[in-house]
Amino acid sequence: NANPVTGTADSLGALRVSFLRGDRTQEGAATNAFRRRSSLMGDIINSGPVYKREADSSLTGDSSYPTFSTSVASRAAAVYVGANDGMLHALQASDGKELFAYVPLAIAKNLNQLTIPVYQHLPFVDGIPEVGEAKLGTDWRTVLVSGMGGGAQGVFALDVTDPSTFGDGSTNASKALFEFTDQDDPMMGNALSQPKVVKLT
């Protein structure tokens, strides 16, 4: 709810959230004007798209994995990419329709900057995600991990086993797995390279 220029509280918080969610009515408005966007989706600079459909066929050695692999074989293919609108986007590969968008907490405090009419470009979710299978406790899941590049110091992880239900509002708390930043460890820096999902023995 803070004015991005003055830093003082104002009453435009709800309008800013609507702007970030795609509402364009305040762009160039006569009062409380927000920045005019050429596209609803932010620019992609240091991130890159990652395609995922079937489970990784190279994983072996766990008797429960084939059952999991079969269970996700027919899920819709998705493309995941970070953008400088502050979001990790999941797009349906068949037509580009957005399945969900995720805003990491570490960059949320800077999102008000995106509404400034004279906006100076900032990085937000500016890292390449990695998507792979991992056994969480006793269950196999498909996990996305990503750094935020220059946007923030840290990494986050999401359960994208079924990306079509990620944003349905019913179980989102369990689908955002973690966010580890310099608030957790001051030695955590900006993750500029693509993270890896690997098995720890």
N, C-alpha and C. Protein backbone atom coordinates (compact mmCIF):
# COMPACT_ATOMS: atom_id res chain seq x y z
N ASN A 1 0.81 -1.20 0.00
CA ASN A 1 0.00 0.00 0.00
C ASN A 1 0.85 1.26 0.00
N ALA A 2 2.17 1.12 -0.20
CA ALA A 2 3.05 2.28 -0.18
C ALA A 2 3.25 2.83 -1.59
N ASN A 3 3.26 4.16 -1.67
CA ASN A 3 3.57 4.81 -2.94
C ASN A 3 5.00 4.45 -3.33
N PRO A 4 5.22 3.92 -4.54
CA PRO A 4 6.55 3.47 -4.92
C PRO A 4 7.57 4.59 -5.08
N VAL A 5 7.11 5.83 -5.22
CA VAL A 5 8.02 6.96 -5.37
C VAL A 5 8.36 7.57 -4.02
N THR A 6 7.32 7.85 -3.22
CA THR A 6 7.53 8.55 -1.94
C THR A 6 7.75 7.59 -0.78
N GLY A 7 7.30 6.34 -0.92
CA GLY A 7 7.42 5.38 0.18
C GLY A 7 6.36 5.55 1.25
N THR A 8 5.46 6.50 1.09
CA THR A 8 4.41 6.73 2.08
C THR A 8 3.17 5.91 1.74
N ALA A 9 2.40 5.59 2.76
CA ALA A 9 1.19 4.79 2.57
C ALA A 9 0.16 5.58 1.76
N ASP A 10 -0.57 4.88 0.90
CA ASP A 10 -1.67 5.50 0.17
C ASP A 10 -2.81 4.48 0.07
N SER A 11 -3.82 4.80 -0.67
CA SER A 11 -5.01 3.93 -0.75
C SER A 11 -5.08 3.17 -2.06
N LEU A 12 -3.95 3.00 -2.74
CA LEU A 12 -3.97 2.41 -4.07
C LEU A 12 -3.52 0.94 -4.10
N GLY A 13 -3.38 0.34 -2.93
CA GLY A 13 -2.90 -1.04 -2.88
C GLY A 13 -3.74 -2.01 -3.69
N ALA A 14 -5.06 -1.92 -3.55
CA ALA A 14 -5.94 -2.83 -4.28
C ALA A 14 -5.83 -2.62 -5.79
N LEU A 15 -5.68 -1.35 -6.22
CA LEU A 15 -5.52 -1.06 -7.64
C LEU A 15 -4.20 -1.61 -8.17
N ARG A 16 -3.16 -1.53 -7.34
CA ARG A 16 -1.86 -2.08 -7.76
C ARG A 16 -1.94 -3.59 -7.94
N VAL A 17 -2.61 -4.26 -7.01
CA VAL A 17 -2.77 -5.72 -7.13
C VAL A 17 -3.56 -6.05 -8.40
N SER A 18 -4.60 -5.31 -8.68
CA SER A 18 -5.37 -5.54 -9.91
C SER A 18 -4.51 -5.33 -11.15
N PHE A 19 -3.66 -4.30 -11.13
CA PHE A 19 -2.73 -4.04 -12.23
C PHE A 19 -1.83 -5.25 -12.45
N LEU A 20 -1.26 -5.76 -11.36
CA LEU A 20 -0.35 -6.90 -11.47
C LEU A 20 -1.07 -8.14 -11.99
N ARG A 21 -2.36 -8.24 -11.71
CA ARG A 21 -3.15 -9.40 -12.16
C ARG A 21 -3.68 -9.22 -13.57
N GLY A 22 -3.39 -8.08 -14.21
CA GLY A 22 -3.75 -7.89 -15.61
C GLY A 22 -4.78 -6.83 -15.90
N ASP A 23 -5.29 -6.17 -14.88
CA ASP A 23 -6.27 -5.09 -15.11
C ASP A 23 -5.55 -3.89 -15.72
N ARG A 24 -6.05 -3.38 -16.82
CA ARG A 24 -5.37 -2.29 -17.53
C ARG A 24 -6.10 -0.95 -17.40
N THR A 25 -7.15 -0.88 -16.57
CA THR A 25 -7.97 0.33 -16.52
C THR A 25 -7.22 1.53 -15.96
N GLN A 26 -6.19 1.32 -15.14
CA GLN A 26 -5.45 2.44 -14.55
C GLN A 26 -4.23 2.86 -15.39
N GLU A 27 -3.97 2.13 -16.47
CA GLU A 27 -2.82 2.48 -17.30
C GLU A 27 -3.08 3.80 -18.01
N GLY A 28 -2.31 4.82 -17.66
CA GLY A 28 -2.48 6.13 -18.28
C GLY A 28 -3.75 6.84 -17.89
N ALA A 29 -4.36 6.44 -16.77
CA ALA A 29 -5.62 7.07 -16.34
C ALA A 29 -5.39 8.53 -15.98
N ALA A 30 -6.49 9.31 -15.96
CA ALA A 30 -6.39 10.74 -15.66
C ALA A 30 -5.89 10.98 -14.24
N THR A 31 -6.32 10.16 -13.30
CA THR A 31 -5.83 10.24 -11.92
C THR A 31 -5.29 8.87 -11.53
N ASN A 32 -4.33 8.88 -10.61
CA ASN A 32 -3.70 7.63 -10.16
C ASN A 32 -3.19 6.79 -11.33
N ALA A 33 -2.60 7.46 -12.31
CA ALA A 33 -2.16 6.76 -13.52
C ALA A 33 -1.04 5.78 -13.22
N PHE A 34 -1.16 4.58 -13.77
CA PHE A 34 -0.10 3.58 -13.71
C PHE A 34 0.57 3.50 -15.08
N ARG A 35 1.69 2.85 -15.10
CA ARG A 35 2.48 2.69 -16.32
C ARG A 35 1.69 1.98 -17.42
N ARG A 36 1.85 2.48 -18.65
CA ARG A 36 1.27 1.79 -19.81
C ARG A 36 2.18 0.62 -20.18
N ARG A 37 1.59 -0.55 -20.32
CA ARG A 37 2.35 -1.75 -20.68
C ARG A 37 2.10 -2.11 -22.14
N SER A 38 3.14 -2.57 -22.80
CA SER A 38 2.96 -3.05 -24.17
C SER A 38 2.46 -4.50 -24.16
N SER A 39 2.63 -5.18 -23.03
CA SER A 39 2.20 -6.56 -22.90
C SER A 39 1.89 -6.83 -21.44
N LEU A 40 0.92 -7.70 -21.17
CA LEU A 40 0.62 -8.04 -19.79
C LEU A 40 1.75 -8.85 -19.16
N MET A 41 2.37 -9.69 -19.93
CA MET A 41 3.49 -10.49 -19.41
C MET A 41 4.76 -9.67 -19.47
N GLY A 42 5.53 -9.76 -18.41
CA GLY A 42 6.77 -8.99 -18.35
C GLY A 42 7.84 -9.55 -19.27
N ASP A 43 8.90 -8.78 -19.43
CA ASP A 43 9.99 -9.21 -20.30
C ASP A 43 10.75 -10.38 -19.68
N ILE A 44 11.31 -11.20 -20.55
CA ILE A 44 12.11 -12.36 -20.15
C ILE A 44 13.52 -12.10 -20.68
N ILE A 45 14.46 -11.94 -19.75
CA ILE A 45 15.82 -11.60 -20.17
C ILE A 45 16.78 -12.74 -19.86
N ASN A 46 17.03 -13.00 -18.60
CA ASN A 46 17.99 -14.04 -18.23
C ASN A 46 17.33 -15.37 -17.89
N SER A 47 16.01 -15.38 -17.83
CA SER A 47 15.30 -16.64 -17.66
C SER A 47 15.17 -17.31 -19.02
N GLY A 48 14.52 -18.45 -19.05
CA GLY A 48 14.29 -19.15 -20.29
C GLY A 48 13.23 -20.20 -20.08
N PRO A 49 12.52 -20.59 -21.12
CA PRO A 49 11.42 -21.54 -20.98
C PRO A 49 11.89 -22.97 -20.75
N VAL A 50 11.17 -23.68 -19.89
CA VAL A 50 11.44 -25.09 -19.63
C VAL A 50 10.14 -25.87 -19.87
N TYR A 51 10.22 -26.89 -20.72
CA TYR A 51 9.06 -27.70 -21.10
C TYR A 51 9.00 -28.95 -20.22
N LYS A 52 7.78 -29.32 -19.78
CA LYS A 52 7.64 -30.54 -18.99
C LYS A 52 6.30 -31.20 -19.27
N ARG A 53 6.34 -32.51 -19.50
CA ARG A 53 5.11 -33.30 -19.57
C ARG A 53 5.31 -34.61 -18.80
N GLU A 54 5.94 -35.60 -19.44
CA GLU A 54 6.11 -36.89 -18.78
C GLU A 54 7.16 -36.81 -17.67
N ALA A 55 7.09 -37.79 -16.77
CA ALA A 55 8.11 -37.91 -15.73
C ALA A 55 9.42 -38.37 -16.35
N ASP A 56 10.51 -38.09 -15.70
CA ASP A 56 11.85 -38.45 -16.17
C ASP A 56 11.98 -39.97 -16.26
N SER A 57 12.21 -40.47 -17.46
CA SER A 57 12.29 -41.92 -17.67
C SER A 57 13.61 -42.52 -17.24
N SER A 58 14.59 -41.68 -16.92
CA SER A 58 15.92 -42.21 -16.57
C SER A 58 16.04 -42.56 -15.08
N LEU A 59 15.05 -42.20 -14.28
CA LEU A 59 15.12 -42.51 -12.86
C LEU A 59 14.80 -43.98 -12.62
N THR A 60 15.68 -44.66 -11.89
CA THR A 60 15.49 -46.08 -11.60
C THR A 60 15.86 -46.34 -10.14
N GLY A 61 15.56 -47.55 -9.69
CA GLY A 61 16.01 -47.95 -8.36
C GLY A 61 15.00 -47.76 -7.25
N ASP A 62 13.79 -47.29 -7.58
CA ASP A 62 12.75 -47.14 -6.57
C ASP A 62 11.49 -47.82 -7.10
N SER A 63 11.00 -48.80 -6.36
CA SER A 63 9.87 -49.61 -6.84
C SER A 63 8.58 -48.82 -6.99
N SER A 64 8.47 -47.67 -6.30
CA SER A 64 7.24 -46.88 -6.38
C SER A 64 7.25 -45.88 -7.54
N TYR A 65 8.42 -45.70 -8.17
CA TYR A 65 8.51 -44.69 -9.22
C TYR A 65 7.71 -45.02 -10.48
N PRO A 66 7.71 -46.27 -10.96
CA PRO A 66 6.93 -46.55 -12.18
C PRO A 66 5.44 -46.23 -12.03
N THR A 67 4.87 -46.47 -10.85
CA THR A 67 3.46 -46.15 -10.62
C THR A 67 3.24 -44.64 -10.73
N PHE A 68 4.14 -43.86 -10.13
CA PHE A 68 4.03 -42.41 -10.22
C PHE A 68 4.18 -41.96 -11.67
N SER A 69 5.17 -42.49 -12.36
CA SER A 69 5.43 -42.09 -13.74
C SER A 69 4.21 -42.34 -14.62
N THR A 70 3.56 -43.48 -14.43
CA THR A 70 2.35 -43.80 -15.20
C THR A 70 1.21 -42.84 -14.86
N SER A 71 1.12 -42.46 -13.59
CA SER A 71 0.00 -41.61 -13.16
C SER A 71 0.05 -40.20 -13.75
N VAL A 72 1.24 -39.74 -14.14
CA VAL A 72 1.35 -38.38 -14.69
C VAL A 72 1.59 -38.37 -16.20
N ALA A 73 1.55 -39.55 -16.81
CA ALA A 73 1.90 -39.65 -18.23
C ALA A 73 0.95 -38.85 -19.12
N SER A 74 -0.29 -38.68 -18.71
CA SER A 74 -1.25 -37.99 -19.57
C SER A 74 -1.54 -36.56 -19.12
N ARG A 75 -0.75 -36.03 -18.19
CA ARG A 75 -1.00 -34.64 -17.77
C ARG A 75 -0.68 -33.69 -18.91
N ALA A 76 -1.29 -32.52 -18.86
CA ALA A 76 -1.06 -31.52 -19.90
C ALA A 76 0.38 -31.04 -19.86
N ALA A 77 0.99 -30.88 -21.01
CA ALA A 77 2.34 -30.35 -21.08
C ALA A 77 2.33 -28.87 -20.71
N ALA A 78 3.37 -28.44 -20.00
CA ALA A 78 3.46 -27.05 -19.56
C ALA A 78 4.84 -26.49 -19.88
N VAL A 79 4.87 -25.18 -20.04
CA VAL A 79 6.12 -24.44 -20.22
C VAL A 79 6.24 -23.48 -19.04
N TYR A 80 7.38 -23.51 -18.36
CA TYR A 80 7.62 -22.68 -17.17
C TYR A 80 8.70 -21.65 -17.50
N VAL A 81 8.45 -20.40 -17.09
CA VAL A 81 9.43 -19.35 -17.36
C VAL A 81 9.29 -18.22 -16.34
N GLY A 82 10.39 -17.67 -15.91
CA GLY A 82 10.37 -16.50 -15.03
C GLY A 82 10.34 -15.23 -15.85
N ALA A 83 9.70 -14.20 -15.31
CA ALA A 83 9.59 -12.94 -16.04
C ALA A 83 9.80 -11.76 -15.10
N ASN A 84 10.10 -10.62 -15.68
CA ASN A 84 10.36 -9.42 -14.89
C ASN A 84 9.09 -8.62 -14.61
N ASP A 85 7.96 -9.34 -14.55
CA ASP A 85 6.73 -8.79 -13.98
C ASP A 85 6.55 -9.32 -12.57
N GLY A 86 7.57 -10.00 -12.05
CA GLY A 86 7.55 -10.51 -10.69
C GLY A 86 6.97 -11.90 -10.55
N MET A 87 6.80 -12.61 -11.64
CA MET A 87 6.12 -13.90 -11.57
C MET A 87 6.85 -15.01 -12.30
N LEU A 88 6.73 -16.21 -11.73
CA LEU A 88 7.07 -17.44 -12.44
C LEU A 88 5.77 -17.87 -13.13
N HIS A 89 5.79 -17.98 -14.45
CA HIS A 89 4.59 -18.30 -15.22
C HIS A 89 4.60 -19.76 -15.64
N ALA A 90 3.44 -20.41 -15.51
CA ALA A 90 3.23 -21.75 -16.05
C ALA A 90 2.21 -21.61 -17.17
N LEU A 91 2.63 -21.98 -18.38
CA LEU A 91 1.79 -21.82 -19.57
C LEU A 91 1.45 -23.18 -20.15
N GLN A 92 0.22 -23.34 -20.57
CA GLN A 92 -0.18 -24.57 -21.24
C GLN A 92 0.55 -24.64 -22.57
N ALA A 93 1.29 -25.72 -22.79
CA ALA A 93 2.13 -25.80 -23.98
C ALA A 93 1.32 -25.82 -25.27
N SER A 94 0.11 -26.32 -25.24
CA SER A 94 -0.68 -26.46 -26.47
C SER A 94 -1.16 -25.13 -27.03
N ASP A 95 -1.44 -24.15 -26.16
CA ASP A 95 -2.00 -22.90 -26.66
C ASP A 95 -1.48 -21.64 -25.96
N GLY A 96 -0.57 -21.79 -25.00
CA GLY A 96 -0.01 -20.63 -24.31
C GLY A 96 -0.87 -20.08 -23.20
N LYS A 97 -2.02 -20.68 -22.93
CA LYS A 97 -2.89 -20.21 -21.85
C LYS A 97 -2.18 -20.35 -20.51
N GLU A 98 -2.32 -19.32 -19.67
CA GLU A 98 -1.65 -19.36 -18.38
C GLU A 98 -2.37 -20.31 -17.43
N LEU A 99 -1.62 -21.26 -16.88
CA LEU A 99 -2.16 -22.19 -15.89
C LEU A 99 -2.10 -21.58 -14.50
N PHE A 100 -0.98 -20.94 -14.18
CA PHE A 100 -0.85 -20.20 -12.93
C PHE A 100 0.36 -19.29 -13.01
N ALA A 101 0.42 -18.35 -12.09
CA ALA A 101 1.60 -17.49 -11.93
C ALA A 101 1.91 -17.44 -10.44
N TYR A 102 3.19 -17.49 -10.11
CA TYR A 102 3.61 -17.51 -8.71
C TYR A 102 4.55 -16.35 -8.45
N VAL A 103 4.27 -15.60 -7.37
CA VAL A 103 5.11 -14.48 -6.97
C VAL A 103 5.92 -14.88 -5.74
N PRO A 104 7.24 -15.00 -5.86
CA PRO A 104 8.05 -15.30 -4.68
C PRO A 104 7.97 -14.17 -3.65
N LEU A 105 7.93 -14.53 -2.39
CA LEU A 105 7.83 -13.54 -1.33
C LEU A 105 9.01 -12.57 -1.35
N ALA A 106 10.19 -13.06 -1.73
CA ALA A 106 11.40 -12.24 -1.68
C ALA A 106 11.34 -11.02 -2.59
N ILE A 107 10.55 -11.08 -3.65
CA ILE A 107 10.48 -9.93 -4.56
C ILE A 107 9.16 -9.15 -4.41
N ALA A 108 8.25 -9.65 -3.60
CA ALA A 108 6.92 -9.04 -3.49
C ALA A 108 6.99 -7.58 -3.03
N LYS A 109 7.93 -7.27 -2.17
CA LYS A 109 8.02 -5.90 -1.63
C LYS A 109 8.35 -4.87 -2.70
N ASN A 110 8.86 -5.29 -3.84
CA ASN A 110 9.24 -4.36 -4.90
C ASN A 110 8.23 -4.28 -6.04
N LEU A 111 7.15 -5.04 -5.96
CA LEU A 111 6.20 -5.08 -7.07
C LEU A 111 5.51 -3.75 -7.32
N ASN A 112 5.39 -2.91 -6.29
CA ASN A 112 4.75 -1.61 -6.51
C ASN A 112 5.53 -0.76 -7.51
N GLN A 113 6.82 -1.04 -7.68
CA GLN A 113 7.64 -0.30 -8.64
C GLN A 113 7.12 -0.46 -10.07
N LEU A 114 6.47 -1.60 -10.34
CA LEU A 114 6.01 -1.88 -11.70
C LEU A 114 4.90 -0.95 -12.18
N THR A 115 4.27 -0.22 -11.25
CA THR A 115 3.16 0.66 -11.65
C THR A 115 3.61 2.09 -11.95
N ILE A 116 4.86 2.43 -11.65
CA ILE A 116 5.33 3.80 -11.84
C ILE A 116 5.31 4.18 -13.32
N PRO A 117 4.68 5.29 -13.68
CA PRO A 117 4.64 5.70 -15.10
C PRO A 117 6.03 5.85 -15.72
N VAL A 118 7.01 6.29 -14.93
CA VAL A 118 8.38 6.44 -15.45
C VAL A 118 9.25 5.30 -14.93
N TYR A 119 8.70 4.11 -14.93
CA TYR A 119 9.35 2.90 -14.41
C TYR A 119 10.74 2.69 -15.01
N GLN A 120 11.71 2.48 -14.13
CA GLN A 120 13.06 2.10 -14.54
C GLN A 120 13.18 0.59 -14.39
N HIS A 121 13.55 -0.11 -15.43
CA HIS A 121 13.52 -1.57 -15.44
C HIS A 121 14.28 -2.19 -14.28
N LEU A 122 13.67 -3.19 -13.65
CA LEU A 122 14.27 -3.96 -12.57
C LEU A 122 14.13 -5.45 -12.87
N PRO A 123 15.11 -6.26 -12.44
CA PRO A 123 14.92 -7.71 -12.54
C PRO A 123 14.03 -8.20 -11.41
N PHE A 124 13.25 -9.23 -11.66
CA PHE A 124 12.40 -9.82 -10.62
C PHE A 124 12.64 -11.32 -10.58
N VAL A 125 11.83 -12.10 -11.32
CA VAL A 125 12.07 -13.55 -11.37
C VAL A 125 12.88 -13.79 -12.64
N ASP A 126 14.18 -13.59 -12.53
CA ASP A 126 15.06 -13.50 -13.69
C ASP A 126 16.03 -14.68 -13.76
N GLY A 127 15.54 -15.87 -13.35
CA GLY A 127 16.37 -17.07 -13.40
C GLY A 127 15.68 -18.16 -14.19
N ILE A 128 16.47 -19.12 -14.68
CA ILE A 128 15.93 -20.25 -15.44
C ILE A 128 15.50 -21.33 -14.46
N PRO A 129 14.23 -21.76 -14.51
CA PRO A 129 13.78 -22.81 -13.60
C PRO A 129 14.29 -24.19 -14.04
N GLU A 130 14.23 -25.12 -13.11
CA GLU A 130 14.51 -26.53 -13.38
C GLU A 130 13.30 -27.31 -12.90
N VAL A 131 12.85 -28.27 -13.69
CA VAL A 131 11.70 -29.09 -13.33
C VAL A 131 12.10 -30.55 -13.40
N GLY A 132 11.88 -31.28 -12.30
CA GLY A 132 12.24 -32.70 -12.27
C GLY A 132 11.49 -33.42 -11.17
N GLU A 133 11.71 -34.71 -11.10
CA GLU A 133 11.02 -35.52 -10.11
C GLU A 133 11.86 -35.66 -8.84
N ALA A 134 11.15 -35.69 -7.71
CA ALA A 134 11.81 -35.84 -6.41
C ALA A 134 10.88 -36.60 -5.48
N LYS A 135 11.46 -37.39 -4.60
CA LYS A 135 10.67 -38.11 -3.62
C LYS A 135 10.63 -37.27 -2.35
N LEU A 136 9.44 -36.78 -2.01
CA LEU A 136 9.25 -35.95 -0.83
C LEU A 136 8.61 -36.82 0.24
N GLY A 137 9.41 -37.23 1.20
CA GLY A 137 8.93 -38.20 2.18
C GLY A 137 8.74 -39.55 1.51
N THR A 138 7.50 -40.00 1.41
CA THR A 138 7.22 -41.29 0.77
C THR A 138 6.58 -41.12 -0.60
N ASP A 139 6.36 -39.89 -1.03
CA ASP A 139 5.63 -39.63 -2.28
C ASP A 139 6.51 -39.01 -3.35
N TRP A 140 6.39 -39.51 -4.57
CA TRP A 140 7.05 -38.90 -5.71
C TRP A 140 6.24 -37.69 -6.17
N ARG A 141 6.93 -36.62 -6.49
CA ARG A 141 6.28 -35.40 -6.99
C ARG A 141 7.15 -34.82 -8.11
N THR A 142 6.55 -33.97 -8.93
CA THR A 142 7.31 -33.18 -9.89
C THR A 142 7.52 -31.81 -9.28
N VAL A 143 8.79 -31.41 -9.20
CA VAL A 143 9.17 -30.21 -8.45
C VAL A 143 9.85 -29.21 -9.38
N LEU A 144 9.47 -27.95 -9.22
CA LEU A 144 10.14 -26.85 -9.92
C LEU A 144 10.99 -26.09 -8.91
N VAL A 145 12.25 -25.84 -9.25
CA VAL A 145 13.11 -25.00 -8.42
C VAL A 145 13.67 -23.89 -9.30
N SER A 146 13.80 -22.71 -8.72
CA SER A 146 14.31 -21.58 -9.50
C SER A 146 14.96 -20.56 -8.60
N GLY A 147 16.01 -19.95 -9.11
CA GLY A 147 16.54 -18.76 -8.49
C GLY A 147 15.80 -17.55 -9.04
N MET A 148 16.16 -16.38 -8.54
CA MET A 148 15.50 -15.16 -9.01
C MET A 148 16.48 -14.22 -9.71
N GLY A 149 17.66 -14.74 -10.05
CA GLY A 149 18.64 -13.93 -10.75
C GLY A 149 18.97 -12.68 -9.97
N GLY A 150 18.90 -11.53 -10.63
CA GLY A 150 19.17 -10.27 -9.96
C GLY A 150 18.00 -9.74 -9.16
N GLY A 151 16.88 -10.44 -9.18
CA GLY A 151 15.69 -9.97 -8.49
C GLY A 151 15.76 -10.08 -6.99
N ALA A 152 16.38 -11.16 -6.50
CA ALA A 152 16.51 -11.37 -5.05
C ALA A 152 17.53 -12.46 -4.81
N GLN A 153 18.05 -12.50 -3.61
CA GLN A 153 19.04 -13.49 -3.22
C GLN A 153 18.31 -14.71 -2.66
N GLY A 154 18.23 -15.77 -3.46
CA GLY A 154 17.57 -16.97 -2.97
C GLY A 154 17.00 -17.84 -4.05
N VAL A 155 16.37 -18.94 -3.61
CA VAL A 155 15.72 -19.90 -4.49
C VAL A 155 14.36 -20.26 -3.90
N PHE A 156 13.48 -20.77 -4.75
CA PHE A 156 12.18 -21.24 -4.28
C PHE A 156 11.85 -22.54 -4.99
N ALA A 157 10.91 -23.29 -4.41
CA ALA A 157 10.52 -24.57 -4.99
C ALA A 157 9.00 -24.71 -4.93
N LEU A 158 8.44 -25.28 -6.01
CA LEU A 158 7.00 -25.48 -6.13
C LEU A 158 6.71 -26.92 -6.52
N ASP A 159 5.60 -27.45 -6.04
CA ASP A 159 5.11 -28.76 -6.46
C ASP A 159 4.24 -28.55 -7.70
N VAL A 160 4.75 -28.97 -8.85
CA VAL A 160 4.02 -28.78 -10.11
C VAL A 160 3.60 -30.13 -10.70
N THR A 161 3.35 -31.09 -9.83
CA THR A 161 2.92 -32.41 -10.29
C THR A 161 1.69 -32.30 -11.17
N ASP A 162 0.75 -31.44 -10.79
CA ASP A 162 -0.43 -31.17 -11.62
C ASP A 162 -0.56 -29.66 -11.76
N PRO A 163 0.11 -29.07 -12.75
CA PRO A 163 0.08 -27.60 -12.88
C PRO A 163 -1.31 -27.04 -13.15
N SER A 164 -2.20 -27.86 -13.66
CA SER A 164 -3.54 -27.35 -13.98
C SER A 164 -4.37 -27.06 -12.74
N THR A 165 -3.96 -27.59 -11.57
CA THR A 165 -4.70 -27.33 -10.33
C THR A 165 -3.90 -26.49 -9.34
N PHE A 166 -2.74 -25.99 -9.74
CA PHE A 166 -1.90 -25.24 -8.81
C PHE A 166 -2.63 -24.03 -8.23
N GLY A 167 -3.32 -23.31 -9.06
CA GLY A 167 -3.97 -22.08 -8.62
C GLY A 167 -5.44 -22.22 -8.32
N ASP A 168 -5.91 -23.44 -7.98
CA ASP A 168 -7.35 -23.61 -7.77
C ASP A 168 -7.82 -23.18 -6.39
N GLY A 169 -6.89 -22.79 -5.52
CA GLY A 169 -7.27 -22.27 -4.21
C GLY A 169 -7.48 -23.30 -3.13
N SER A 170 -7.43 -24.58 -3.46
CA SER A 170 -7.76 -25.61 -2.47
C SER A 170 -6.55 -26.09 -1.67
N THR A 171 -5.40 -26.26 -2.34
CA THR A 171 -4.25 -26.84 -1.65
C THR A 171 -2.96 -26.08 -1.95
N ASN A 172 -3.07 -24.79 -2.21
CA ASN A 172 -1.89 -24.02 -2.61
C ASN A 172 -0.79 -24.01 -1.57
N ALA A 173 -1.16 -24.07 -0.28
CA ALA A 173 -0.15 -23.99 0.77
C ALA A 173 0.86 -25.11 0.64
N SER A 174 0.40 -26.30 0.25
CA SER A 174 1.31 -27.43 0.13
C SER A 174 2.08 -27.42 -1.18
N LYS A 175 1.65 -26.62 -2.16
CA LYS A 175 2.30 -26.60 -3.46
C LYS A 175 3.47 -25.61 -3.52
N ALA A 176 3.47 -24.63 -2.65
CA ALA A 176 4.65 -23.77 -2.49
C ALA A 176 5.50 -24.46 -1.44
N LEU A 177 6.57 -25.13 -1.87
CA LEU A 177 7.33 -26.00 -0.97
C LEU A 177 8.25 -25.23 -0.04
N PHE A 178 9.03 -24.31 -0.60
CA PHE A 178 9.90 -23.50 0.25
C PHE A 178 10.44 -22.32 -0.52
N GLU A 179 10.93 -21.37 0.23
CA GLU A 179 11.69 -20.25 -0.31
C GLU A 179 12.86 -20.04 0.64
N PHE A 180 14.06 -20.13 0.12
CA PHE A 180 15.27 -19.99 0.94
C PHE A 180 16.05 -18.79 0.43
N THR A 181 16.20 -17.77 1.28
CA THR A 181 16.82 -16.52 0.85
C THR A 181 17.90 -16.08 1.84
N ASP A 182 18.43 -14.88 1.58
CA ASP A 182 19.43 -14.33 2.49
C ASP A 182 18.83 -13.98 3.85
N GLN A 183 17.50 -14.01 3.97
CA GLN A 183 16.88 -13.84 5.28
C GLN A 183 17.05 -15.10 6.12
N ASP A 184 17.22 -16.24 5.46
CA ASP A 184 17.46 -17.51 6.15
C ASP A 184 18.95 -17.73 6.42
N ASP A 185 19.77 -17.29 5.49
CA ASP A 185 21.22 -17.42 5.63
C ASP A 185 21.87 -16.23 4.92
N PRO A 186 22.54 -15.34 5.67
CA PRO A 186 23.15 -14.15 5.05
C PRO A 186 24.14 -14.48 3.94
N MET A 187 24.64 -15.72 3.90
CA MET A 187 25.59 -16.11 2.87
C MET A 187 24.91 -16.45 1.53
N MET A 188 23.57 -16.51 1.53
CA MET A 188 22.86 -16.83 0.29
C MET A 188 22.95 -15.66 -0.67
N GLY A 189 23.45 -15.93 -1.86
CA GLY A 189 23.60 -14.87 -2.86
C GLY A 189 22.54 -14.97 -3.94
N ASN A 190 22.74 -14.23 -5.01
CA ASN A 190 21.84 -14.27 -6.16
C ASN A 190 22.13 -15.53 -6.97
N ALA A 191 21.11 -16.35 -7.16
CA ALA A 191 21.26 -17.58 -7.95
C ALA A 191 21.10 -17.23 -9.42
N LEU A 192 22.22 -17.17 -10.12
CA LEU A 192 22.22 -16.76 -11.52
C LEU A 192 22.18 -17.94 -12.48
N SER A 193 22.57 -19.13 -12.02
CA SER A 193 22.54 -20.31 -12.89
C SER A 193 21.33 -21.16 -12.56
N GLN A 194 21.02 -22.09 -13.45
CA GLN A 194 19.85 -22.95 -13.29
C GLN A 194 20.11 -23.96 -12.18
N PRO A 195 19.22 -24.03 -11.17
CA PRO A 195 19.38 -25.05 -10.12
C PRO A 195 19.19 -26.45 -10.69
N LYS A 196 19.54 -27.46 -9.91
CA LYS A 196 19.37 -28.85 -10.32
C LYS A 196 18.58 -29.61 -9.26
N VAL A 197 17.74 -30.52 -9.73
CA VAL A 197 17.04 -31.44 -8.85
C VAL A 197 17.82 -32.75 -8.88
N VAL A 198 18.42 -33.10 -7.74
CA VAL A 198 19.26 -34.31 -7.69
C VAL A 198 18.90 -35.14 -6.47
N LYS A 199 19.24 -36.42 -6.53
CA LYS A 199 19.00 -37.33 -5.43
C LYS A 199 20.16 -37.24 -4.44
N LEU A 200 19.80 -37.13 -3.16
CA LEU A 200 20.79 -37.15 -2.09
C LEU A 200 20.78 -38.52 -1.45
N THR A 201 21.95 -39.14 -1.31
CA THR A 201 22.01 -40.49 -0.73
C THR A 201 22.68 -40.45 0.62
